[in-house]
Amino acid sequence: MLALLFGRAKERPDRVEKPIELTAEGVWNEISGRLREALNENTFSTWFGQVHATAITENEFVLTVPNDFTREWIDGHFLGLIGAALAEVAGER
């Protein structure tokens, strides 16, 4: 589980900070939305249309893809974009 805090207690002493639990599905929804904005629809649907997030831990974000070719293509062409989006999404929480 990756739990991040937001806000600062010093700024809002009347509020209790609560950790936000990031789910794999929720993070993937955010990331895929950013990918959809960055790529044309055909490219997005070809490479990410059948991708699903299955797990997230402190050290990994696991995606399930339909086959090895898709995995290799995403790894070779989009891994940096996915990593940047993941860093942004995790940093927003």
N, C-alpha and C. Protein backbone atom coordinates (compact mmCIF):
# COMPACT_ATOMS: atom_id res chain seq x y z
N MET A 1 0.84 -1.17 0.00
CA MET A 1 0.00 0.00 0.00
C MET A 1 0.89 1.23 0.00
N LEU A 2 0.52 2.19 -0.79
CA LEU A 2 1.22 3.46 -0.83
C LEU A 2 0.26 4.51 -0.29
N ALA A 3 0.57 5.06 0.84
CA ALA A 3 -0.29 6.06 1.46
C ALA A 3 0.49 7.35 1.58
N LEU A 4 -0.05 8.41 1.06
CA LEU A 4 0.58 9.71 1.11
C LEU A 4 -0.32 10.68 1.85
N LEU A 5 0.26 11.64 2.53
CA LEU A 5 -0.51 12.65 3.24
C LEU A 5 -0.57 13.92 2.42
N PHE A 6 -1.65 14.65 2.58
CA PHE A 6 -1.76 15.93 1.92
C PHE A 6 -2.11 16.99 2.96
N GLY A 7 -1.84 18.25 2.63
CA GLY A 7 -2.11 19.33 3.57
C GLY A 7 -1.07 19.35 4.68
N ARG A 8 -1.13 20.40 5.49
CA ARG A 8 -0.20 20.50 6.62
C ARG A 8 -0.99 20.81 7.88
N ALA A 9 -0.68 20.13 8.93
CA ALA A 9 -1.39 20.34 10.19
C ALA A 9 -1.20 21.77 10.70
N LYS A 10 -0.05 22.36 10.46
CA LYS A 10 0.20 23.72 10.94
C LYS A 10 -0.71 24.72 10.25
N GLU A 11 -1.05 24.46 9.00
CA GLU A 11 -1.91 25.36 8.26
C GLU A 11 -3.38 25.20 8.63
N ARG A 12 -3.77 24.01 9.04
CA ARG A 12 -5.16 23.71 9.36
C ARG A 12 -5.23 22.89 10.65
N PRO A 13 -5.02 23.51 11.77
CA PRO A 13 -5.01 22.74 13.01
C PRO A 13 -6.36 22.12 13.36
N ASP A 14 -7.45 22.62 12.77
CA ASP A 14 -8.78 22.09 13.07
C ASP A 14 -9.11 20.84 12.27
N ARG A 15 -8.25 20.45 11.35
CA ARG A 15 -8.50 19.27 10.52
C ARG A 15 -7.51 18.17 10.85
N VAL A 16 -7.97 16.97 10.76
CA VAL A 16 -7.11 15.81 10.96
C VAL A 16 -6.66 15.31 9.60
N GLU A 17 -5.35 15.15 9.45
CA GLU A 17 -4.84 14.63 8.19
C GLU A 17 -5.09 13.14 8.13
N LYS A 18 -5.54 12.69 6.98
CA LYS A 18 -5.80 11.27 6.78
C LYS A 18 -4.98 10.77 5.60
N PRO A 19 -4.37 9.62 5.75
CA PRO A 19 -3.65 9.07 4.59
C PRO A 19 -4.64 8.69 3.50
N ILE A 20 -4.23 8.88 2.28
CA ILE A 20 -5.04 8.49 1.14
C ILE A 20 -4.47 7.20 0.59
N GLU A 21 -5.30 6.20 0.50
CA GLU A 21 -4.86 4.93 -0.05
C GLU A 21 -5.03 4.97 -1.56
N LEU A 22 -3.94 4.79 -2.26
CA LEU A 22 -3.99 4.76 -3.71
C LEU A 22 -4.28 3.34 -4.16
N THR A 23 -5.30 3.18 -4.96
CA THR A 23 -5.59 1.86 -5.51
C THR A 23 -4.99 1.77 -6.90
N ALA A 24 -4.67 0.58 -7.31
CA ALA A 24 -4.10 0.38 -8.64
C ALA A 24 -5.06 0.90 -9.70
N GLU A 25 -6.33 0.59 -9.55
CA GLU A 25 -7.33 1.02 -10.53
C GLU A 25 -7.46 2.54 -10.57
N GLY A 26 -7.49 3.17 -9.41
CA GLY A 26 -7.59 4.63 -9.35
C GLY A 26 -6.39 5.32 -9.97
N VAL A 27 -5.21 4.81 -9.66
CA VAL A 27 -3.99 5.39 -10.23
C VAL A 27 -3.98 5.18 -11.74
N TRP A 28 -4.36 4.00 -12.21
CA TRP A 28 -4.38 3.74 -13.65
C TRP A 28 -5.39 4.65 -14.35
N ASN A 29 -6.53 4.91 -13.73
CA ASN A 29 -7.50 5.83 -14.33
C ASN A 29 -6.88 7.20 -14.54
N GLU A 30 -6.14 7.68 -13.55
CA GLU A 30 -5.47 8.98 -13.67
C GLU A 30 -4.39 8.94 -14.76
N ILE A 31 -3.56 7.92 -14.73
CA ILE A 31 -2.47 7.81 -15.70
C ILE A 31 -3.01 7.64 -17.11
N SER A 32 -3.98 6.77 -17.28
CA SER A 32 -4.51 6.54 -18.63
C SER A 32 -5.19 7.80 -19.17
N GLY A 33 -5.79 8.59 -18.30
CA GLY A 33 -6.35 9.87 -18.74
C GLY A 33 -5.28 10.80 -19.27
N ARG A 34 -4.15 10.83 -18.61
CA ARG A 34 -3.03 11.66 -19.07
C ARG A 34 -2.44 11.13 -20.37
N LEU A 35 -2.35 9.80 -20.47
CA LEU A 35 -1.85 9.21 -21.71
C LEU A 35 -2.80 9.51 -22.87
N ARG A 36 -4.09 9.43 -22.60
CA ARG A 36 -5.08 9.72 -23.64
C ARG A 36 -4.94 11.15 -24.16
N GLU A 37 -4.62 12.08 -23.25
CA GLU A 37 -4.41 13.47 -23.65
C GLU A 37 -3.12 13.64 -24.45
N ALA A 38 -2.09 12.87 -24.12
CA ALA A 38 -0.78 13.01 -24.76
C ALA A 38 -0.68 12.30 -26.10
N LEU A 39 -1.47 11.25 -26.29
CA LEU A 39 -1.39 10.43 -27.50
C LEU A 39 -2.65 10.61 -28.33
N ASN A 40 -2.56 10.30 -29.62
CA ASN A 40 -3.80 10.32 -30.39
C ASN A 40 -4.63 9.10 -30.03
N GLU A 41 -5.92 9.15 -30.34
CA GLU A 41 -6.84 8.10 -29.90
C GLU A 41 -6.47 6.73 -30.45
N ASN A 42 -6.03 6.68 -31.70
CA ASN A 42 -5.66 5.40 -32.29
C ASN A 42 -4.47 4.76 -31.56
N THR A 43 -3.46 5.57 -31.28
CA THR A 43 -2.29 5.06 -30.55
C THR A 43 -2.67 4.60 -29.16
N PHE A 44 -3.47 5.41 -28.47
CA PHE A 44 -3.89 5.04 -27.12
C PHE A 44 -4.67 3.73 -27.13
N SER A 45 -5.66 3.63 -28.00
CA SER A 45 -6.49 2.42 -27.99
C SER A 45 -5.71 1.18 -28.44
N THR A 46 -4.76 1.36 -29.37
CA THR A 46 -3.95 0.23 -29.82
C THR A 46 -3.11 -0.34 -28.69
N TRP A 47 -2.41 0.52 -27.96
CA TRP A 47 -1.45 0.05 -26.97
C TRP A 47 -1.98 -0.01 -25.55
N PHE A 48 -2.99 0.76 -25.23
CA PHE A 48 -3.47 0.80 -23.85
C PHE A 48 -4.93 0.40 -23.69
N GLY A 49 -5.60 0.08 -24.77
CA GLY A 49 -7.02 -0.27 -24.71
C GLY A 49 -7.32 -1.51 -23.88
N GLN A 50 -6.37 -2.43 -23.80
CA GLN A 50 -6.59 -3.67 -23.04
C GLN A 50 -5.65 -3.79 -21.84
N VAL A 51 -5.11 -2.67 -21.41
CA VAL A 51 -4.21 -2.66 -20.26
C VAL A 51 -5.04 -2.44 -18.99
N HIS A 52 -4.69 -3.18 -17.94
CA HIS A 52 -5.38 -3.05 -16.66
C HIS A 52 -4.34 -3.01 -15.55
N ALA A 53 -4.61 -2.21 -14.55
CA ALA A 53 -3.74 -2.17 -13.37
C ALA A 53 -4.17 -3.27 -12.41
N THR A 54 -3.19 -3.99 -11.89
CA THR A 54 -3.53 -5.09 -10.98
C THR A 54 -2.99 -4.92 -9.57
N ALA A 55 -1.96 -4.12 -9.40
CA ALA A 55 -1.40 -3.95 -8.05
C ALA A 55 -0.57 -2.68 -7.96
N ILE A 56 -0.51 -2.15 -6.77
CA ILE A 56 0.38 -1.03 -6.49
C ILE A 56 0.95 -1.24 -5.08
N THR A 57 2.26 -1.07 -4.98
CA THR A 57 2.93 -1.16 -3.68
C THR A 57 3.81 0.08 -3.56
N GLU A 58 4.60 0.13 -2.51
CA GLU A 58 5.52 1.25 -2.35
C GLU A 58 6.56 1.28 -3.46
N ASN A 59 6.87 0.12 -4.05
CA ASN A 59 7.95 0.03 -5.02
C ASN A 59 7.51 -0.31 -6.43
N GLU A 60 6.27 -0.73 -6.63
CA GLU A 60 5.85 -1.17 -7.96
C GLU A 60 4.43 -0.74 -8.28
N PHE A 61 4.23 -0.57 -9.57
CA PHE A 61 2.90 -0.37 -10.12
C PHE A 61 2.78 -1.42 -11.22
N VAL A 62 1.87 -2.36 -11.06
CA VAL A 62 1.79 -3.52 -11.95
C VAL A 62 0.63 -3.37 -12.92
N LEU A 63 0.95 -3.49 -14.20
CA LEU A 63 -0.05 -3.46 -15.25
C LEU A 63 -0.13 -4.82 -15.91
N THR A 64 -1.32 -5.21 -16.31
CA THR A 64 -1.52 -6.44 -17.06
C THR A 64 -1.80 -6.06 -18.50
N VAL A 65 -1.07 -6.68 -19.42
CA VAL A 65 -1.23 -6.42 -20.85
C VAL A 65 -1.62 -7.72 -21.55
N PRO A 66 -2.18 -7.63 -22.75
CA PRO A 66 -2.71 -8.83 -23.40
C PRO A 66 -1.67 -9.83 -23.88
N ASN A 67 -0.44 -9.37 -24.17
CA ASN A 67 0.56 -10.30 -24.71
C ASN A 67 1.97 -9.71 -24.56
N ASP A 68 2.96 -10.54 -24.84
CA ASP A 68 4.36 -10.12 -24.70
C ASP A 68 4.73 -9.00 -25.67
N PHE A 69 4.19 -9.03 -26.88
CA PHE A 69 4.50 -7.99 -27.85
C PHE A 69 4.06 -6.62 -27.33
N THR A 70 2.85 -6.56 -26.80
CA THR A 70 2.34 -5.30 -26.24
C THR A 70 3.21 -4.85 -25.08
N ARG A 71 3.58 -5.78 -24.21
CA ARG A 71 4.44 -5.45 -23.07
C ARG A 71 5.77 -4.87 -23.55
N GLU A 72 6.38 -5.51 -24.52
CA GLU A 72 7.66 -5.04 -25.04
C GLU A 72 7.53 -3.68 -25.71
N TRP A 73 6.45 -3.47 -26.43
CA TRP A 73 6.25 -2.19 -27.12
C TRP A 73 6.04 -1.07 -26.11
N ILE A 74 5.20 -1.31 -25.12
CA ILE A 74 4.97 -0.30 -24.09
C ILE A 74 6.27 -0.03 -23.33
N ASP A 75 7.00 -1.08 -22.99
CA ASP A 75 8.26 -0.92 -22.28
C ASP A 75 9.26 -0.10 -23.10
N GLY A 76 9.31 -0.34 -24.39
CA GLY A 76 10.27 0.34 -25.24
C GLY A 76 9.88 1.74 -25.68
N HIS A 77 8.57 2.03 -25.69
CA HIS A 77 8.12 3.30 -26.24
C HIS A 77 7.38 4.22 -25.27
N PHE A 78 6.78 3.67 -24.24
CA PHE A 78 5.93 4.49 -23.38
C PHE A 78 6.28 4.43 -21.90
N LEU A 79 7.28 3.66 -21.52
CA LEU A 79 7.58 3.50 -20.11
C LEU A 79 7.93 4.83 -19.44
N GLY A 80 8.68 5.67 -20.12
CA GLY A 80 9.03 6.97 -19.57
C GLY A 80 7.81 7.84 -19.35
N LEU A 81 6.89 7.82 -20.30
CA LEU A 81 5.66 8.60 -20.20
C LEU A 81 4.80 8.09 -19.04
N ILE A 82 4.71 6.77 -18.91
CA ILE A 82 3.94 6.19 -17.81
C ILE A 82 4.59 6.54 -16.47
N GLY A 83 5.91 6.43 -16.40
CA GLY A 83 6.63 6.75 -15.17
C GLY A 83 6.44 8.20 -14.75
N ALA A 84 6.50 9.12 -15.72
CA ALA A 84 6.30 10.54 -15.41
C ALA A 84 4.88 10.79 -14.92
N ALA A 85 3.90 10.16 -15.56
CA ALA A 85 2.51 10.32 -15.14
C ALA A 85 2.31 9.73 -13.75
N LEU A 86 2.93 8.60 -13.47
CA LEU A 86 2.82 7.97 -12.15
C LEU A 86 3.41 8.89 -11.08
N ALA A 87 4.55 9.48 -11.37
CA ALA A 87 5.18 10.39 -10.41
C ALA A 87 4.28 11.59 -10.14
N GLU A 88 3.65 12.12 -11.19
CA GLU A 88 2.73 13.25 -11.02
C GLU A 88 1.52 12.86 -10.19
N VAL A 89 0.93 11.73 -10.52
CA VAL A 89 -0.27 11.28 -9.81
C VAL A 89 0.05 11.01 -8.34
N ALA A 90 1.14 10.32 -8.06
CA ALA A 90 1.52 10.03 -6.68
C ALA A 90 1.86 11.31 -5.93
N GLY A 91 2.45 12.28 -6.62
CA GLY A 91 2.81 13.54 -5.99
C GLY A 91 1.62 14.42 -5.69
N GLU A 92 0.50 14.21 -6.37
CA GLU A 92 -0.70 15.01 -6.14
C GLU A 92 -1.43 14.59 -4.88
N ARG A 93 -1.18 13.43 -4.41
CA ARG A 93 -1.92 12.91 -3.26
C ARG A 93 -1.34 13.42 -1.97
